[in-house]
Amino acid sequence: MLSNRDLFAGTVDPFVTTLVILLTDMYTNKDGKIEWLDWDIETIKMELEDDLRIKIKPRIIDKIAVGQLLMTTDLFYKTSPDFIHFCNVMNDDNEMPGVWNPADSYEIAWAVAEATLLEPPEEGLPDAFSPEVLGYIKIVLKQANILSAPDSLSFILPDELSGPAIGQLSDDMVLYKAAYDEAQEGTDMLNEYVNMRTTELLDQLSQITVRKGNLKQVVDQAKAQIEPQPEQFFMQA
């Protein structure tokens, strides 16, 4: 079993989903109000360090902040800088201050899968995404020579990813098939990555304990009480 101390201290790399579930379990008052969603990030850090007698590392603070914002805002879906940052954090890709760190196709595929698992957008996909973010996703997939989007990004149709490069090979069936097979292999690898991360998440969730009911109850309770708060902004640790 994994203790809250292990996960919040970073002894084990926690998923954002795991942290959201544990925080909801720890900081829901007797009236059923989920208090941590309304706290600023420094208050959350202070409460955790006091209650668990640990020091919270910056990368864990980043995950907590991302989890809070996924549950209370639509920033993930609306602005490319936030989308890219969330993708990096959710894939344990540490960012260096002042260094551009674009989210790659693997990071995007998993971040969208976990974000929609944790808090599915009311509008559905792709409608929840702004043209800016949707455009970024398409550019990254095209640069990775992906012709068919992975399952977590299946809202992007094949004709949105096809470009002139592979079309120019259509007269040479051998080269065309080789290029197509390579692109399909890329899609398969993205699906394998998401499946691997999903398995790891489920394994992690199977090793935690919540005090206030089962995991499904905790997540459903959180979703039922959340109201969008677009005025909140991400706070770097």
Protein backbone atom coordinates (compact mmCIF):
# COMPACT_ATOMS: atom_id res chain seq x y z
CA MET A 1 0.00 0.00 0.00
CA LEU A 2 1.07 3.58 -0.62
CA SER A 3 0.81 6.12 2.18
CA ASN A 4 -0.16 9.76 1.73
CA ARG A 5 3.31 10.67 2.99
CA ASP A 6 4.95 8.62 0.22
CA LEU A 7 2.87 10.26 -2.49
CA PHE A 8 2.98 13.88 -1.32
CA ALA A 9 6.66 13.66 -0.40
CA GLY A 10 7.40 12.40 -3.91
CA THR A 11 8.94 9.12 -2.73
CA VAL A 12 6.65 7.63 -5.36
CA ASP A 13 5.74 9.68 -8.43
CA PRO A 14 2.02 10.40 -8.01
CA PHE A 15 -0.40 10.96 -10.84
CA VAL A 16 -2.38 14.18 -10.78
CA THR A 17 -5.55 12.10 -10.45
CA THR A 18 -4.20 10.37 -7.36
CA LEU A 19 -3.35 13.67 -5.69
CA VAL A 20 -6.80 15.10 -6.46
CA ILE A 21 -8.49 12.06 -4.89
CA LEU A 22 -6.31 12.17 -1.77
CA LEU A 23 -6.69 15.93 -1.30
CA THR A 24 -10.46 15.62 -1.67
CA ASP A 25 -10.49 12.85 0.92
CA MET A 26 -8.29 14.80 3.34
CA TYR A 27 -9.83 18.23 3.03
CA THR A 28 -13.59 17.80 2.77
CA ASN A 29 -15.31 19.23 5.83
CA LYS A 30 -18.19 17.71 7.83
CA ASP A 31 -20.71 19.60 5.69
CA GLY A 32 -19.33 17.97 2.55
CA LYS A 33 -17.56 21.07 1.20
CA ILE A 34 -14.30 20.31 -0.58
CA GLU A 35 -12.14 22.99 0.95
CA TRP A 36 -8.84 22.56 -0.87
CA LEU A 37 -10.34 23.56 -4.21
CA ASP A 38 -10.84 27.07 -2.83
CA TRP A 39 -7.39 27.39 -1.22
CA ASP A 40 -4.41 29.07 -2.84
CA ILE A 41 -1.46 26.83 -3.55
CA GLU A 42 0.60 28.09 -0.60
CA THR A 43 -2.21 27.23 1.80
CA ILE A 44 -2.44 23.72 0.38
CA LYS A 45 1.33 23.31 0.75
CA MET A 46 1.26 24.58 4.34
CA GLU A 47 -1.64 22.32 5.35
CA LEU A 48 -0.02 19.22 3.82
CA GLU A 49 3.38 19.88 5.36
CA ASP A 50 1.80 20.46 8.76
CA ASP A 51 -0.54 17.44 8.64
CA LEU A 52 1.92 14.94 7.12
CA ARG A 53 5.13 16.34 8.67
CA ILE A 54 6.91 16.41 5.32
CA LYS A 55 8.36 18.90 2.87
CA ILE A 56 6.49 19.17 -0.41
CA LYS A 57 8.74 19.27 -3.46
CA PRO A 58 8.12 21.84 -6.20
CA ARG A 59 7.19 19.16 -8.77
CA ILE A 60 4.48 17.87 -6.42
CA ILE A 61 3.19 21.40 -5.89
CA ASP A 62 3.01 21.78 -9.68
CA LYS A 63 0.90 18.62 -9.92
CA ILE A 64 -1.42 19.77 -7.16
CA ALA A 65 -1.86 23.14 -8.88
CA VAL A 66 -2.58 21.45 -12.21
CA GLY A 67 -5.11 19.14 -10.55
CA GLN A 68 -6.85 22.05 -8.86
CA LEU A 69 -7.05 24.02 -12.09
CA LEU A 70 -8.28 21.04 -14.09
CA MET A 71 -11.12 20.70 -11.60
CA THR A 72 -12.02 24.37 -11.38
CA THR A 73 -11.13 26.05 -14.68
CA ASP A 74 -10.98 25.41 -18.43
CA LEU A 75 -7.43 26.73 -18.89
CA PHE A 76 -6.23 23.34 -20.16
CA TYR A 77 -8.58 23.66 -23.11
CA LYS A 78 -8.33 27.37 -23.90
CA THR A 79 -4.72 28.66 -23.96
CA SER A 80 -1.73 26.92 -25.50
CA PRO A 81 0.81 28.00 -22.83
CA ASP A 82 -1.36 26.48 -20.08
CA PHE A 83 -2.10 23.41 -22.21
CA ILE A 84 1.60 22.81 -22.83
CA HIS A 85 2.48 23.37 -19.17
CA PHE A 86 -0.23 20.97 -17.99
CA CYS A 87 0.94 18.33 -20.49
CA ASN A 88 4.51 18.58 -19.22
CA VAL A 89 3.54 18.39 -15.55
CA MET A 90 1.17 15.46 -16.06
CA ASN A 91 3.94 13.50 -17.81
CA ASP A 92 6.64 14.21 -15.20
CA ASP A 93 8.56 16.33 -17.71
CA ASN A 94 10.33 18.81 -15.46
CA GLU A 95 10.41 22.35 -16.84
CA MET A 96 13.36 24.70 -16.53
CA PRO A 97 12.51 28.35 -15.80
CA GLY A 98 12.81 30.43 -18.94
CA VAL A 99 13.35 27.40 -21.21
CA TRP A 100 10.77 26.61 -23.90
CA ASN A 101 9.60 23.03 -23.44
CA PRO A 102 6.93 22.16 -26.02
CA ALA A 103 4.63 19.22 -25.29
CA ASP A 104 5.24 16.32 -27.66
CA SER A 105 2.70 13.89 -29.09
CA TYR A 106 3.11 11.39 -26.23
CA GLU A 107 2.64 14.04 -23.56
CA ILE A 108 -0.43 15.42 -25.32
CA ALA A 109 -2.02 11.98 -25.77
CA TRP A 110 -1.69 11.13 -22.08
CA ALA A 111 -2.60 14.57 -20.71
CA VAL A 112 -5.85 14.65 -22.70
CA ALA A 113 -6.65 11.10 -21.57
CA GLU A 114 -6.07 11.88 -17.88
CA ALA A 115 -7.71 15.31 -17.96
CA THR A 116 -10.90 13.97 -19.53
CA LEU A 117 -10.90 11.02 -17.13
CA LEU A 118 -10.59 13.33 -14.14
CA GLU A 119 -13.01 16.05 -15.27
CA PRO A 120 -14.69 15.55 -18.67
CA PRO A 121 -15.55 18.91 -20.25
CA GLU A 122 -19.25 19.65 -20.53
CA GLU A 123 -18.93 20.62 -24.19
CA GLY A 124 -17.27 17.35 -25.12
CA LEU A 125 -14.31 17.02 -27.46
CA PRO A 126 -13.18 18.69 -29.62
CA ASP A 127 -15.62 21.52 -28.83
CA ALA A 128 -14.00 22.20 -25.44
CA PHE A 129 -10.70 23.11 -27.13
CA SER A 130 -10.07 26.59 -28.42
CA PRO A 131 -8.86 26.86 -32.04
CA GLU A 132 -5.45 27.84 -30.63
CA VAL A 133 -5.02 24.64 -28.59
CA LEU A 134 -6.59 22.40 -31.22
CA GLY A 135 -4.25 23.89 -33.79
CA TYR A 136 -1.25 23.16 -31.57
CA ILE A 137 -2.29 19.52 -31.16
CA LYS A 138 -2.64 19.09 -34.92
CA ILE A 139 0.74 20.70 -35.61
CA VAL A 140 2.50 18.39 -33.13
CA LEU A 141 0.84 15.29 -34.57
CA LYS A 142 1.73 16.33 -38.12
CA GLN A 143 5.34 16.99 -37.13
CA ALA A 144 5.43 13.48 -35.65
CA ASN A 145 4.13 12.13 -38.99
CA ILE A 146 0.95 10.82 -37.35
CA LEU A 147 -1.76 10.27 -39.97
CA SER A 148 -4.34 8.66 -37.68
CA ALA A 149 -4.79 10.18 -34.22
CA PRO A 150 -4.41 7.88 -31.20
CA ASP A 151 -7.52 6.82 -29.30
CA SER A 152 -7.34 9.62 -26.73
CA LEU A 153 -7.26 12.17 -29.58
CA SER A 154 -9.73 10.39 -31.85
CA PHE A 155 -11.75 13.60 -32.22
CA ILE A 156 -9.09 14.68 -34.74
CA LEU A 157 -10.03 13.20 -38.08
CA PRO A 158 -7.46 11.67 -40.47
CA ASP A 159 -8.07 14.29 -43.17
CA GLU A 160 -7.02 16.96 -40.64
CA LEU A 161 -3.59 15.36 -40.36
CA SER A 162 -2.88 14.38 -43.96
CA GLY A 163 -0.41 16.63 -45.69
CA PRO A 164 1.21 17.01 -49.06
CA ALA A 165 4.32 15.03 -48.14
CA ILE A 166 2.75 11.57 -48.11
CA GLY A 167 0.38 12.54 -50.91
CA GLN A 168 3.36 13.12 -53.17
CA LEU A 169 4.25 9.44 -52.75
CA SER A 170 0.89 8.16 -53.96
CA ASP A 171 2.32 7.34 -57.41
CA ASP A 172 4.89 5.01 -55.86
CA MET A 173 2.93 2.41 -53.92
CA VAL A 174 6.01 0.92 -52.28
CA LEU A 175 7.12 4.24 -50.82
CA TYR A 176 3.53 5.20 -50.02
CA LYS A 177 2.97 1.95 -48.09
CA ALA A 178 6.26 2.38 -46.23
CA ALA A 179 5.35 5.93 -45.23
CA TYR A 180 1.83 4.89 -44.21
CA ASP A 181 3.10 1.92 -42.16
CA GLU A 182 5.58 4.19 -40.38
CA ALA A 183 2.82 6.65 -39.57
CA GLN A 184 0.57 3.83 -38.28
CA GLU A 185 3.42 2.56 -36.12
CA GLY A 186 3.61 6.01 -34.57
CA THR A 187 -0.10 5.88 -33.76
CA ASP A 188 0.28 2.42 -32.24
CA MET A 189 3.15 3.62 -30.06
CA LEU A 190 1.06 6.54 -28.78
CA ASN A 191 -1.77 4.17 -27.88
CA GLU A 192 0.69 1.86 -26.12
CA TYR A 193 2.03 4.78 -24.10
CA VAL A 194 -1.45 5.86 -22.99
CA ASN A 195 -2.34 2.25 -22.14
CA MET A 196 0.85 1.92 -20.11
CA ARG A 197 0.16 5.13 -18.18
CA THR A 198 -3.44 4.07 -17.59
CA THR A 199 -2.28 0.74 -16.18
CA GLU A 200 0.20 2.54 -13.91
CA LEU A 201 -2.52 4.92 -12.72
CA LEU A 202 -4.92 2.08 -11.94
CA ASP A 203 -2.16 0.24 -10.09
CA GLN A 204 -1.41 3.35 -8.04
CA LEU A 205 -5.08 3.89 -7.21
CA SER A 206 -5.35 0.26 -6.08
CA GLN A 207 -2.68 0.95 -3.47
CA ILE A 208 -4.17 4.02 -1.78
CA THR A 209 -6.77 4.24 0.96
CA VAL A 210 -9.46 6.89 1.32
CA ARG A 211 -11.31 7.46 4.56
CA LYS A 212 -14.58 8.83 3.28
CA GLY A 213 -15.97 6.02 1.15
CA ASN A 214 -14.57 4.43 -1.99
CA LEU A 215 -12.62 6.14 -4.75
CA LYS A 216 -15.62 6.48 -7.03
CA GLN A 217 -17.59 8.22 -4.31
CA VAL A 218 -14.76 10.66 -3.68
CA VAL A 219 -14.39 11.55 -7.36
CA ASP A 220 -18.15 11.84 -7.91
CA GLN A 221 -18.44 14.04 -4.83
CA ALA A 222 -15.73 16.35 -6.12
CA LYS A 223 -17.32 16.66 -9.56
CA ALA A 224 -20.76 17.36 -8.11
CA GLN A 225 -19.57 20.37 -6.14
CA ILE A 226 -17.24 22.09 -8.57
CA GLU A 227 -18.15 25.37 -10.18
CA PRO A 228 -15.83 26.85 -12.86
CA GLN A 229 -13.65 29.63 -11.50
CA PRO A 230 -11.86 31.11 -14.54
CA GLU A 231 -10.38 33.94 -12.49
CA GLN A 232 -7.90 31.53 -10.88
CA PHE A 233 -4.43 31.41 -12.35
CA PHE A 234 -1.63 28.89 -12.13
CA MET A 235 0.96 29.68 -9.46
CA GLN A 236 4.48 28.50 -10.06
CA ALA A 237 6.15 26.96 -7.05
